[in-house]
Protein backbone atom coordinates (compact mmCIF):
# COMPACT_ATOMS: atom_id res chain seq x y z
CA MET A 1 -27.57 35.75 -18.80
CA ARG A 2 -28.45 32.07 -18.43
CA TYR A 3 -30.32 32.02 -21.71
CA ILE A 4 -27.92 34.10 -23.81
CA PRO A 5 -26.41 31.10 -25.67
CA LEU A 6 -29.90 29.88 -26.59
CA LEU A 7 -30.94 33.36 -27.74
CA ILE A 8 -27.79 33.67 -29.82
CA PHE A 9 -28.46 30.43 -31.70
CA ILE A 10 -32.12 31.41 -32.28
CA GLY A 11 -30.80 34.68 -33.71
CA LEU A 12 -28.38 32.76 -35.93
CA VAL A 13 -31.32 30.84 -37.40
CA VAL A 14 -32.75 34.15 -38.60
CA CYS A 15 -29.36 35.35 -39.82
CA GLY A 16 -28.83 32.12 -41.74
CA LEU A 17 -32.19 32.41 -43.48
CA VAL A 18 -31.43 36.00 -44.48
CA LEU A 19 -27.92 35.07 -45.65
CA ALA A 20 -29.41 32.27 -47.74
CA LEU A 21 -31.09 34.90 -49.94
CA TRP A 22 -27.63 35.99 -51.18
CA VAL A 23 -25.44 32.94 -50.48
CA PRO A 24 -27.80 29.94 -50.46
CA PHE A 25 -25.26 27.27 -49.49
CA TRP A 26 -23.55 28.94 -46.53
CA GLY A 27 -26.73 30.53 -45.38
CA GLY A 28 -28.46 27.16 -45.41
CA VAL A 29 -25.59 25.55 -43.49
CA LEU A 30 -25.68 28.27 -40.83
CA ALA A 31 -29.47 28.07 -40.50
CA ALA A 32 -29.42 24.27 -40.27
CA ILE A 33 -26.74 24.14 -37.56
CA ALA A 34 -28.37 26.94 -35.56
CA THR A 35 -31.78 25.27 -35.84
CA VAL A 36 -30.44 21.98 -34.46
CA VAL A 37 -28.68 23.67 -31.57
CA SER A 38 -31.71 25.89 -30.83
CA ALA A 39 -33.94 22.83 -30.78
CA LEU A 40 -31.53 21.16 -28.37
CA GLY A 41 -31.60 24.26 -26.12
CA LEU A 42 -35.42 24.31 -26.09
CA TYR A 43 -35.40 20.62 -25.17
CA ASP A 44 -33.00 21.42 -22.34
CA MET A 45 -35.38 24.04 -20.98
CA PHE A 46 -38.36 21.70 -20.78
CA GLN A 47 -36.79 18.33 -19.85
CA THR A 48 -37.14 17.34 -16.19
CA LYS A 49 -34.19 15.07 -15.41
CA ARG A 50 -31.36 17.61 -15.07
CA ALA A 51 -31.88 20.91 -13.28
CA VAL A 52 -28.62 22.38 -14.52
CA LEU A 53 -29.78 21.98 -18.15
CA ARG A 54 -33.11 23.69 -17.38
CA ASN A 55 -31.27 26.66 -15.90
CA TYR A 56 -28.43 26.78 -18.42
CA PRO A 57 -29.67 25.37 -21.76
CA ILE A 58 -26.91 24.51 -24.24
CA SER A 59 -24.04 25.93 -22.13
CA ALA A 60 -24.46 23.31 -19.37
CA ARG A 61 -23.74 20.62 -21.94
CA LEU A 62 -20.12 21.81 -22.01
CA ARG A 63 -19.95 20.68 -18.37
CA PHE A 64 -20.93 17.15 -19.30
CA LEU A 65 -18.46 17.16 -22.18
CA PHE A 66 -15.54 18.24 -20.01
CA GLU A 67 -16.60 15.83 -17.28
CA HIS A 68 -16.58 12.98 -19.78
CA PHE A 69 -13.01 13.75 -20.95
CA ARG A 70 -11.73 14.84 -17.54
CA PRO A 71 -9.72 11.62 -16.87
CA GLU A 72 -7.95 11.92 -20.23
CA ILE A 73 -7.33 15.66 -19.78
CA ARG A 74 -5.93 15.04 -16.32
CA GLN A 75 -3.78 12.11 -17.37
CA TYR A 76 -2.23 13.73 -20.42
CA PHE A 77 -1.96 17.37 -19.40
CA LEU A 78 -2.31 17.97 -15.67
CA GLU A 79 -0.99 15.08 -13.51
CA SER A 80 2.66 15.11 -12.44
CA ASP A 81 5.11 12.35 -13.32
CA HIS A 82 4.88 10.89 -9.79
CA GLU A 83 1.17 11.22 -9.09
CA GLU A 84 -0.23 7.70 -8.75
CA THR A 85 -3.82 7.61 -10.04
CA PRO A 86 -3.53 4.68 -9.75
CA TYR A 87 -0.19 4.42 -11.61
CA SER A 88 1.99 7.44 -12.23
CA ARG A 89 3.27 8.47 -15.65
CA GLU A 90 6.75 7.51 -14.50
CA GLN A 91 5.63 3.97 -13.57
CA ARG A 92 3.79 3.47 -16.84
CA ALA A 93 6.71 4.79 -18.84
CA LEU A 94 9.07 2.41 -17.07
CA VAL A 95 6.95 -0.56 -18.16
CA TYR A 96 6.61 0.71 -21.73
CA ARG A 97 10.36 1.21 -22.04
CA ARG A 98 11.21 -2.19 -20.66
CA ALA A 99 8.53 -3.91 -22.74
CA LYS A 100 9.89 -2.29 -25.92
CA GLY A 101 13.50 -2.95 -24.98
CA ILE A 102 14.28 0.78 -24.90
CA GLU A 103 17.12 2.01 -22.71
CA GLY A 104 15.73 2.83 -19.27
CA LEU A 105 18.56 5.02 -17.97
CA ARG A 106 17.80 8.37 -16.29
CA PRO A 107 20.06 11.37 -16.83
CA PHE A 108 20.79 14.12 -14.29
CA GLY A 109 19.71 12.22 -11.14
CA THR A 110 16.53 11.40 -9.28
CA LEU A 111 13.32 13.39 -9.65
CA ARG A 112 12.14 12.43 -6.18
CA ASN A 113 12.42 14.39 -2.98
CA VAL A 114 14.62 12.04 -0.94
CA ASN A 115 13.95 14.06 2.23
CA GLU A 116 10.18 13.51 2.04
CA ILE A 117 8.67 11.62 4.94
CA GLY A 118 7.99 8.05 3.82
CA HIS A 119 10.79 7.97 1.24
CA GLU A 120 12.35 4.49 1.08
CA TRP A 121 15.56 3.05 -0.24
CA ILE A 122 17.56 -0.16 -0.23
CA ASN A 123 21.03 -0.05 1.34
CA HIS A 124 23.96 -0.95 -0.90
CA SER A 125 27.18 -2.76 0.01
CA MET A 126 30.85 -1.84 -0.16
CA ALA A 127 31.40 -5.41 -1.38
CA PRO A 128 28.96 -5.96 -4.25
CA THR A 129 28.59 -9.43 -5.70
CA HIS A 130 28.66 -10.59 -9.30
CA LEU A 131 25.96 -12.99 -10.45
CA ASP A 132 26.14 -14.92 -13.70
CA SER A 133 22.42 -14.87 -14.44
CA HIS A 134 19.23 -12.98 -13.74
CA ASP A 135 17.23 -16.17 -13.98
CA PHE A 136 16.68 -16.69 -10.28
CA ARG A 137 14.69 -19.82 -9.44
CA VAL A 138 12.97 -20.88 -6.25
CA ARG A 139 11.45 -24.31 -5.66
CA ILE A 140 7.83 -24.30 -4.47
CA GLY A 141 6.54 -27.44 -2.83
CA GLY A 142 6.35 -28.58 0.79
CA PRO A 143 7.05 -32.04 2.22
CA ASP A 144 3.72 -33.40 0.94
CA CYS A 145 4.27 -32.19 -2.61
CA THR A 146 5.62 -34.77 -5.08
CA GLN A 147 5.76 -32.47 -8.12
CA PRO A 148 7.46 -29.26 -6.92
CA TYR A 149 7.77 -26.31 -9.29
CA ASP A 150 10.92 -24.30 -9.91
CA SER A 151 9.38 -20.87 -10.19
CA SER A 152 10.63 -17.50 -11.31
CA PRO A 153 10.41 -14.91 -8.50
CA LEU A 154 8.22 -12.81 -10.82
CA ASN A 155 5.05 -14.23 -12.43
CA ILE A 156 1.81 -12.94 -13.93
CA SER A 157 -0.93 -12.43 -11.37
CA GLY A 158 -4.44 -13.79 -11.81
CA MET A 159 -6.52 -12.17 -14.59
CA SER A 160 -9.36 -14.21 -16.03
CA TYR A 161 -10.27 -14.79 -19.62
CA GLY A 162 -13.50 -12.85 -19.85
CA ALA A 163 -12.01 -9.94 -17.94
CA LEU A 164 -9.15 -9.92 -20.50
CA SER A 165 -9.59 -10.43 -24.22
CA PRO A 166 -8.52 -13.57 -26.12
CA ASN A 167 -5.61 -11.70 -27.69
CA ALA A 168 -4.42 -10.38 -24.35
CA ILE A 169 -4.52 -13.88 -22.81
CA GLU A 170 -2.61 -15.34 -25.75
CA SER A 171 0.03 -12.61 -25.60
CA LEU A 172 0.54 -13.06 -21.86
CA ASN A 173 0.85 -16.83 -22.07
CA TRP A 174 3.14 -16.81 -25.11
CA GLY A 175 5.34 -14.24 -23.37
CA ALA A 176 5.40 -16.47 -20.25
CA LYS A 177 6.37 -19.45 -22.40
CA ILE A 178 9.42 -17.87 -24.03
CA GLY A 179 10.34 -15.96 -20.85
CA GLY A 180 10.24 -18.99 -18.57
CA PHE A 181 7.77 -17.75 -15.99
CA ALA A 182 4.22 -18.64 -14.92
CA HIS A 183 0.83 -17.26 -15.90
CA THR A 184 -1.94 -17.35 -13.27
CA THR A 185 -5.29 -18.02 -14.89
CA GLY A 186 -7.60 -16.00 -12.63
CA GLU A 187 -10.72 -17.68 -11.28
CA GLY A 188 -12.23 -17.85 -14.79
CA SER A 189 -10.21 -21.07 -15.24
CA ILE A 190 -8.20 -22.29 -18.24
CA SER A 191 -9.50 -21.17 -21.63
CA ARG A 192 -8.55 -22.39 -25.07
CA PHE A 193 -6.43 -19.25 -25.41
CA HIS A 194 -4.32 -20.23 -22.39
CA ARG A 195 -3.44 -23.51 -24.11
CA ILE A 196 -2.35 -22.37 -27.56
CA HIS A 197 1.26 -21.52 -26.68
CA GLY A 198 1.82 -23.83 -23.71
CA GLY A 199 3.11 -21.37 -21.13
CA ASP A 200 3.26 -22.60 -17.53
CA LEU A 201 -0.06 -22.09 -15.71
CA ILE A 202 -1.03 -21.54 -12.11
CA TRP A 203 -4.66 -22.65 -12.11
CA GLN A 204 -6.73 -20.51 -9.79
CA VAL A 205 -9.76 -22.18 -8.22
CA GLY A 206 -12.24 -19.69 -6.81
CA SER A 207 -15.55 -19.98 -5.00
CA GLY A 208 -17.39 -20.52 -8.31
CA TYR A 209 -15.20 -23.62 -9.01
CA PHE A 210 -15.03 -22.66 -12.67
CA GLY A 211 -13.47 -25.42 -14.74
CA CYS A 212 -14.15 -27.99 -12.01
CA ARG A 213 -17.78 -27.44 -11.06
CA THR A 214 -20.93 -29.51 -11.00
CA PRO A 215 -24.05 -28.29 -12.86
CA THR A 216 -25.27 -26.82 -9.56
CA GLY A 217 -22.07 -24.91 -8.87
CA GLY A 218 -20.38 -27.32 -6.43
CA PHE A 219 -16.89 -28.75 -6.63
CA ASP A 220 -16.43 -31.66 -9.07
CA PRO A 221 -13.37 -33.73 -8.09
CA ASP A 222 -13.30 -35.71 -11.33
CA ARG A 223 -13.25 -32.62 -13.52
CA PHE A 224 -10.61 -31.06 -11.28
CA ALA A 225 -8.36 -34.12 -11.48
CA ALA A 226 -8.66 -34.27 -15.27
CA THR A 227 -7.66 -30.65 -15.74
CA ALA A 228 -4.97 -30.67 -13.04
CA ALA A 229 -3.30 -33.64 -14.73
CA ASP A 230 -2.37 -31.45 -17.71
CA ASP A 231 1.41 -30.93 -17.71
CA GLN A 232 0.88 -27.25 -18.49
CA VAL A 233 -0.70 -26.80 -15.04
CA LYS A 234 2.20 -26.40 -12.63
CA MET A 235 0.42 -25.26 -9.44
CA ILE A 236 -3.10 -24.85 -7.99
CA GLU A 237 -4.14 -21.66 -6.22
CA ILE A 238 -7.26 -21.65 -4.02
CA LYS A 239 -8.61 -18.11 -4.18
CA LEU A 240 -10.09 -17.04 -0.86
CA SER A 241 -10.27 -13.31 -1.64
CA GLN A 242 -8.66 -10.62 -3.73
CA GLY A 243 -7.34 -7.19 -2.87
CA ALA A 244 -9.67 -4.89 -4.76
CA LYS A 245 -12.92 -6.42 -3.50
CA PRO A 246 -12.26 -8.90 -0.66
CA GLY A 247 -15.30 -10.80 0.55
CA HIS A 248 -17.47 -9.49 -2.26
CA GLY A 249 -17.79 -12.20 -4.87
CA GLY A 250 -18.94 -11.32 -8.36
CA ILE A 251 -21.09 -12.13 -11.35
CA LEU A 252 -20.50 -12.24 -15.08
CA PRO A 253 -23.92 -11.64 -16.67
CA GLY A 254 -25.16 -14.35 -19.00
CA ALA A 255 -25.27 -11.89 -21.88
CA LYS A 256 -21.45 -11.78 -21.77
CA VAL A 257 -20.93 -15.55 -21.52
CA THR A 258 -19.69 -16.55 -24.98
CA ASP A 259 -18.93 -20.06 -26.26
CA ALA A 260 -15.29 -19.77 -25.22
CA ILE A 261 -16.10 -18.44 -21.74
CA ALA A 262 -18.71 -21.14 -21.21
CA GLU A 263 -16.25 -23.80 -22.32
CA ALA A 264 -13.54 -22.56 -19.90
CA ARG A 265 -15.82 -22.11 -16.92
CA GLY A 266 -18.00 -25.18 -17.33
CA VAL A 267 -21.30 -23.33 -17.63
CA GLU A 268 -23.91 -22.98 -20.37
CA VAL A 269 -23.75 -20.19 -22.94
CA GLY A 270 -25.90 -17.31 -21.70
CA GLU A 271 -25.85 -18.56 -18.08
CA ASP A 272 -24.83 -16.12 -15.33
CA CYS A 273 -21.39 -16.96 -13.89
CA VAL A 274 -21.70 -16.42 -10.15
CA SER A 275 -18.71 -16.32 -7.79
CA PRO A 276 -20.09 -16.42 -4.23
CA PRO A 277 -18.30 -14.42 -1.54
CA GLY A 278 -17.16 -17.66 0.14
CA HIS A 279 -16.42 -21.29 -0.66
CA SER A 280 -19.04 -24.02 -0.28
CA GLU A 281 -16.46 -26.82 0.16
CA PHE A 282 -15.29 -25.67 3.59
CA SER A 283 -16.38 -23.28 6.33
CA THR A 284 -13.68 -23.74 8.96
CA PRO A 285 -9.87 -23.55 9.08
CA GLU A 286 -9.71 -27.28 9.53
CA GLY A 287 -12.01 -27.74 6.53
CA LEU A 288 -9.68 -25.54 4.49
CA CYS A 289 -6.74 -27.74 5.40
CA ALA A 290 -8.66 -30.83 4.33
CA PHE A 291 -9.50 -29.16 1.00
CA ILE A 292 -5.82 -28.32 0.46
CA ALA A 293 -4.86 -31.96 1.06
CA ARG A 294 -7.66 -33.17 -1.24
CA LEU A 295 -6.57 -30.95 -4.14
CA ARG A 296 -2.97 -31.93 -3.69
CA GLU A 297 -3.94 -35.61 -3.89
CA LEU A 298 -6.29 -35.10 -6.87
CA SER A 299 -3.63 -33.13 -8.76
CA GLY A 300 -1.04 -35.88 -8.35
CA GLY A 301 1.07 -34.06 -5.79
CA LYS A 302 1.40 -30.64 -7.46
CA PRO A 303 1.88 -27.56 -5.26
CA VAL A 304 -1.38 -26.24 -3.83
CA GLY A 305 -1.57 -22.75 -2.36
CA LEU A 306 -3.87 -20.00 -1.21
CA LYS A 307 -4.58 -16.47 -2.35
CA LEU A 308 -6.05 -13.97 0.07
CA CYS A 309 -6.27 -10.38 1.05
CA VAL A 310 -5.80 -10.17 4.81
CA GLY A 311 -8.90 -9.11 6.71
CA HIS A 312 -9.67 -10.05 10.31
CA PRO A 313 -6.28 -11.01 11.79
CA TRP A 314 -7.81 -13.72 13.98
CA GLU A 315 -9.02 -15.55 10.88
CA PHE A 316 -5.48 -15.99 9.56
CA PHE A 317 -4.31 -16.84 13.08
CA ALA A 318 -6.98 -19.62 13.07
CA MET A 319 -5.69 -20.86 9.71
CA ALA A 320 -2.10 -20.95 10.98
CA LYS A 321 -3.19 -22.87 14.09
CA ALA A 322 -4.99 -25.35 11.83
CA PHE A 323 -1.88 -25.73 9.68
CA ARG A 324 0.09 -26.64 12.76
CA GLN A 325 -2.56 -28.87 14.34
CA THR A 326 -3.38 -30.87 11.22
CA GLY A 327 0.11 -30.95 9.76
CA ILE A 328 -1.41 -29.87 6.43
CA THR A 329 0.11 -26.67 5.06
CA PRO A 330 -0.29 -24.90 1.71
CA ASP A 331 2.81 -24.97 -0.46
CA PHE A 332 2.51 -21.24 -1.05
CA ILE A 333 0.36 -18.28 0.00
CA THR A 334 -0.23 -15.31 -2.29
CA ILE A 335 -0.96 -12.20 -0.26
CA ASP A 336 -2.91 -9.66 -2.32
CA GLY A 337 -2.87 -6.06 -1.09
CA ALA A 338 -5.94 -3.87 -0.92
CA GLU A 339 -4.28 -1.69 -3.59
CA GLY A 340 -4.57 -4.59 -6.08
CA GLY A 341 -6.53 -4.13 -9.27
CA THR A 342 -9.77 -5.51 -10.71
CA GLY A 343 -11.93 -4.99 -13.73
CA ALA A 344 -14.77 -3.60 -11.61
CA ALA A 345 -15.34 -3.19 -7.88
CA PRO A 346 -17.63 -1.08 -5.68
CA ALA A 347 -15.86 2.13 -4.65
CA GLU A 348 -16.22 1.30 -0.97
CA PHE A 349 -14.45 -2.03 -1.46
CA ALA A 350 -11.70 -0.68 -3.72
CA ASP A 351 -10.92 2.20 -1.34
CA HIS A 352 -11.66 0.91 2.14
CA LYS A 353 -11.65 -2.90 2.34
CA GLY A 354 -8.75 -5.21 3.11
CA ALA A 355 -5.20 -4.77 4.37
CA PRO A 356 -2.62 -3.12 2.09
CA ILE A 357 0.15 -5.39 0.88
CA ARG A 358 2.72 -4.19 3.41
CA GLU A 359 0.59 -4.89 6.47
CA GLY A 360 -0.90 -8.06 5.03
CA LEU A 361 2.46 -9.56 4.06
CA MET A 362 4.06 -8.79 7.43
CA LEU A 363 1.13 -10.28 9.37
CA VAL A 364 1.27 -13.53 7.38
CA HIS A 365 5.07 -13.69 7.55
CA ASN A 366 5.16 -13.00 11.31
CA THR A 367 2.43 -15.58 12.01
CA LEU A 368 4.24 -18.35 10.13
CA VAL A 369 7.58 -17.45 11.73
CA GLY A 370 6.01 -17.49 15.19
CA MET A 371 4.42 -20.88 14.46
CA GLY A 372 7.64 -22.42 13.13
CA LEU A 373 6.05 -22.93 9.69
CA ARG A 374 7.78 -20.24 7.64
CA ASP A 375 10.30 -22.56 5.98
CA ARG A 376 7.49 -24.81 4.69
CA ILE A 377 5.42 -22.12 2.95
CA HIS A 378 6.48 -19.92 0.01
CA LEU A 379 5.06 -16.37 0.25
CA VAL A 380 4.12 -14.39 -2.85
CA ALA A 381 3.38 -10.66 -2.68
CA SER A 382 0.88 -9.06 -5.07
CA GLY A 383 -0.58 -5.56 -5.24
CA LYS A 384 0.52 -2.54 -7.29
CA LEU A 385 4.07 -3.74 -7.92
CA ILE A 386 5.89 -2.44 -10.98
CA SER A 387 9.63 -2.01 -10.57
CA ALA A 388 12.53 -4.07 -9.25
CA PHE A 389 12.59 -1.78 -6.21
CA ASP A 390 8.96 -2.66 -5.50
CA MET A 391 10.04 -6.29 -5.53
CA CYS A 392 13.07 -5.65 -3.31
CA ARG A 393 10.80 -4.00 -0.77
CA MET A 394 8.54 -7.06 -0.71
CA PHE A 395 11.50 -9.44 -0.32
CA ALA A 396 12.78 -7.33 2.57
CA LEU A 397 9.39 -7.56 4.27
CA GLY A 398 9.19 -11.34 4.03
CA ALA A 399 8.17 -12.37 0.50
CA ASN A 400 9.81 -15.15 -1.54
CA GLY A 401 8.28 -14.08 -4.85
CA CYS A 402 6.08 -11.46 -6.49
CA ASN A 403 3.11 -11.40 -8.89
CA ILE A 404 2.29 -8.50 -11.17
CA ALA A 405 -0.98 -7.99 -13.04
CA ARG A 406 -1.40 -4.43 -14.27
CA GLY A 407 2.30 -4.12 -15.15
CA PHE A 408 1.88 -6.93 -17.65
CA MET A 409 -1.31 -5.27 -18.91
CA PHE A 410 0.76 -2.16 -19.64
CA ALA A 411 3.26 -4.40 -21.45
CA VAL A 412 0.55 -5.60 -23.88
CA GLY A 413 -0.70 -2.07 -24.53
CA CYS A 414 -2.96 -0.89 -21.66
CA ILE A 415 -2.96 2.92 -21.41
CA GLN A 416 -4.83 3.14 -18.06
CA ALA A 417 -8.03 4.44 -19.68
CA GLN A 418 -9.91 2.93 -16.70
CA VAL A 419 -12.88 1.67 -18.72
CA CYS A 420 -12.15 -2.03 -18.08
CA HIS A 421 -15.75 -2.73 -16.99
CA SER A 422 -17.35 -1.10 -20.04
CA GLY A 423 -16.25 -3.48 -22.82
CA LYS A 424 -14.86 -0.44 -24.65
CA CYS A 425 -11.18 -0.79 -23.86
CA PRO A 426 -9.39 1.42 -26.43
CA THR A 427 -6.42 -0.97 -26.77
CA GLY A 428 -8.31 -4.26 -26.86
CA VAL A 429 -6.91 -5.58 -23.56
CA THR A 430 -10.10 -5.78 -21.48
CA THR A 431 -12.89 -6.32 -24.00
CA GLN A 432 -14.69 -9.18 -25.71
CA ASP A 433 -15.51 -7.00 -28.73
CA PRO A 434 -13.68 -8.51 -31.75
CA GLY A 435 -13.61 -5.17 -33.46
CA ARG A 436 -11.50 -3.86 -30.56
CA TYR A 437 -9.36 -6.78 -29.43
CA LYS A 438 -8.22 -7.69 -32.94
CA ALA A 439 -6.29 -4.39 -32.90
CA LEU A 440 -4.02 -6.06 -30.31
CA VAL A 441 -1.49 -7.93 -32.45
CA ILE A 442 -0.36 -11.04 -30.59
CA ALA A 443 2.82 -11.49 -32.65
CA GLU A 444 3.98 -8.06 -31.46
CA LYS A 445 2.72 -8.01 -27.90
CA TYR A 446 3.95 -11.42 -26.63
CA GLN A 447 7.53 -10.27 -27.13
CA ARG A 448 6.84 -7.18 -25.06
CA VAL A 449 5.53 -9.36 -22.23
CA ALA A 450 8.76 -11.35 -22.25
CA ASN A 451 10.85 -8.20 -22.54
CA PHE A 452 9.18 -6.60 -19.52
CA HIS A 453 9.84 -9.67 -17.41
CA ARG A 454 13.44 -10.11 -18.58
CA ASN A 455 14.40 -6.43 -18.13
CA THR A 456 12.75 -6.27 -14.72
CA MET A 457 14.65 -9.38 -13.67
CA ILE A 458 17.91 -7.85 -14.93
CA ALA A 459 17.17 -4.75 -12.82
CA LEU A 460 16.44 -7.00 -9.85
CA LYS A 461 19.74 -8.85 -10.38
CA GLU A 462 21.62 -5.54 -10.35
CA ALA A 463 19.83 -4.53 -7.13
CA VAL A 464 20.76 -7.85 -5.50
CA GLU A 465 24.40 -7.47 -6.62
CA SER A 466 24.73 -3.89 -5.39
CA SER A 467 23.54 -4.95 -1.94
CA GLY A 468 26.18 -7.66 -1.76
CA LEU A 469 23.66 -10.51 -1.88
CA ARG A 470 23.28 -13.74 -3.86
CA ALA A 471 19.50 -13.97 -4.33
CA PRO A 472 16.43 -11.70 -3.94
CA GLN A 473 15.31 -13.78 -0.94
CA ASP A 474 18.45 -12.63 0.91
CA PHE A 475 16.97 -9.15 1.42
CA THR A 476 15.98 -8.60 5.05
CA PRO A 477 14.19 -5.80 6.93
CA HIS A 478 17.65 -4.39 7.72
CA HIS A 479 18.16 -3.55 4.02
CA LEU A 480 14.99 -1.44 3.67
CA MET A 481 15.34 2.12 5.00
CA ILE A 482 12.39 4.44 5.64
CA ARG A 483 12.42 8.17 6.42
CA VAL A 484 10.06 8.60 9.37
CA ASN A 485 10.52 12.33 9.92
CA SER A 486 12.73 15.19 8.78
CA ARG A 487 15.61 14.14 11.07
CA GLU A 488 15.27 10.38 11.38
CA VAL A 489 15.42 7.29 9.24
CA ARG A 490 14.85 3.71 10.38
CA SER A 491 15.28 0.29 8.88
CA ALA A 492 12.17 -1.83 8.50
CA ALA A 493 13.74 -4.04 11.14
CA SER A 494 13.38 -1.29 13.76
CA GLN A 495 10.31 0.44 12.34
CA TYR A 496 8.10 -2.64 12.58
CA LEU A 497 7.64 -5.42 15.09
CA TRP A 498 8.91 -8.87 14.10
CA LEU A 499 8.27 -12.19 15.78
CA GLU A 500 11.04 -14.63 16.69
CA PRO A 501 10.92 -18.23 15.43
CA ASP A 502 8.49 -20.35 17.47
CA GLU A 503 7.51 -17.35 19.61
CA LEU A 504 3.81 -18.15 19.31
CA LEU A 505 4.42 -21.74 20.32
CA ASN A 506 6.18 -20.61 23.48
CA GLY A 507 3.18 -18.55 24.55
CA GLU A 508 5.07 -15.29 25.18
CA VAL A 509 3.48 -12.89 22.68
CA THR A 510 4.43 -9.19 22.74
CA HIS A 511 3.27 -8.04 19.29
CA PRO A 512 0.05 -6.03 19.89
CA ALA A 513 -2.05 -7.74 17.18
CA PHE A 514 -1.10 -11.19 18.42
CA ALA A 515 -1.46 -10.29 22.07
CA LYS A 516 -5.02 -9.10 21.42
CA TYR A 517 -6.33 -11.80 19.08
CA TRP A 518 -4.06 -14.88 19.14
CA ALA A 519 -5.67 -16.66 22.08
CA ALA A 520 -9.17 -16.02 20.65
CA ALA A 521 -8.45 -17.76 17.32
CA ARG A 522 -9.58 -21.38 16.99
CA THR A 523 -9.17 -24.09 14.40
CA ASP A 524 -12.81 -25.18 14.24
CA SER A 525 -14.21 -21.77 13.26
CA PHE A 526 -13.28 -18.53 11.61
CA ASP A 527 -15.25 -16.73 14.35
CA ILE A 528 -13.40 -15.17 17.27
CA VAL A 529 -13.84 -16.66 20.73
CA ALA A 530 -15.83 -14.15 22.83
C-alpha cells in the first residue's frame, strides 16, 4: 500500500507512451509528467534524510505541503473570531476598520461569553461626562527635566529600522506627524527614513548603543549629545530588556547591514550589529541612576526613561531604592509585557520568560507608590494592546500611557503571516527586499496609521465619558471588574494587593512579594542579599 502512488505514476509513464502513438501531444504530456513524478518517487525511496519519504514515496510530500500552508489554512478557515494566535481575527479586523475609517459598530450584541471565568469589563456611571476633545495630553518630565514633553496617551512602541522596512518606517512616522503622537525608534536608532516627515521621536538607546557608539561598541557621549539635540527627538528611552526576549540580546548579521542601516546604527556596512544582553555603561542600580542623569544632561534636559520587562522582583526593588537614595529618577518607565512582540525570538523566551504586562505593571506601580515616587514617574504599558478597552485596563492597573507596536503594523498592512524573520514579508512591512517593500505605498498607509490612532482615541474618550471621568488616568482598580468564578466578580481593587503611599518607607510590608524580597534588595548590586 505504501508504494501504490509510485506504482501508479510508473504505470502512467507506460500509458502515456502508448497514448502518444495515437495522440502524440497529450500522450507526451502525460508521459513527461508521470516520468518526473516517478523519478521524484524513486529519489524519495533512496534518500537518507527523511524516513517518512523512504516509507511513503510521493504521498508523504503532501504532508510537507500541508504543513507548510498550515498557518494560513488555520488562520483563514479554522480559527474562531476570538482565538488569539497571537491576535484574533476580531482584533485584527478592529484595527483594519479603524485604519480605513470604516464604521466599527457591532450589530446584535456581544459575541463573547460574559459569564466565562476571567471575563473583564469597565464599570459605567449614571452620570457620564462630556469631553470636548479626544486629544488627551499628559506632560512627561520630572523635576530635573527642563524640556518636558506633552505626550499623547497612545504612541508607537519601539520597532527598529532593519526589523521594519523603509516604507513601513516612513508610513509610521508620517502618521505620527499628522496625528500628533510619538514614534519610538527601537534600538536600531534613528534612520534617514525616520527624519523625512519629522514626526516626534522617542529615541531608544539599547545595549548596543546604536547611533551613539564608539568603534568598539561603547557609549559615545559626543555622538549622543549631537543626535539628542535634534528637535525631532522629544524623549530618550534606555532599553534594559523587552518582553518577547528579555535578557537575550540579539545580532543583525553583517550580510543584512545595508548602507542605510549602517548609517543609522553607526557601524560599517557588512559588520555584525551585536546587542549584548546587558549594558556596559553600568552594572548596578546606582550606576543606572548615574547614567540616567548623564543622558538627561547630555540631551539638554529632555525626558529620559527606561524600558524593561520585569524579571527578578528584587532587581526592580533595588532600582527603586537607588532612585530614592540618589534622588535621580527616570522621567518615565515603559513596562513591556512578556506577551510583547518581536521579529524573532527563541521559543523558550517568547513563551516562558518575563512577567506578563499585568503583573509587571502592578509590581512597578506598587513599588513606586510604596516608595513615595509614583507622582514623579510616568508609567507606560506595552504588550499586546489593541483596543481602547485594553488601554482602559492598563490605566486602571496603574499606567499613565500606552504603547502599541503590532497594532500599528496591522494599520500599515501586516496580515499576521508570522514570517517577520525570513525577509519574505508578503506585505512589505518586515523586509529589506525592495521588490517586496515597494508594494507598501507610503502615501496610502500613513493616513491609515493616523486613522487608527485617532479612532482608537475617540473610542477611549467615549469610554472615559461613559465612566463619568475626565481623563484616562482617572481610571482606578475599582473601575475594572473581573469574573473570578461562576458566582463571583471582583474589582481589581479587591482582587489584587495594592500598597499604600510610603508603605515601604514605613517598614510595614504586607504584600507577599515585598515581604519576601524587599529587605534583600540593595542599591549597589542587582544581586539579592543572601
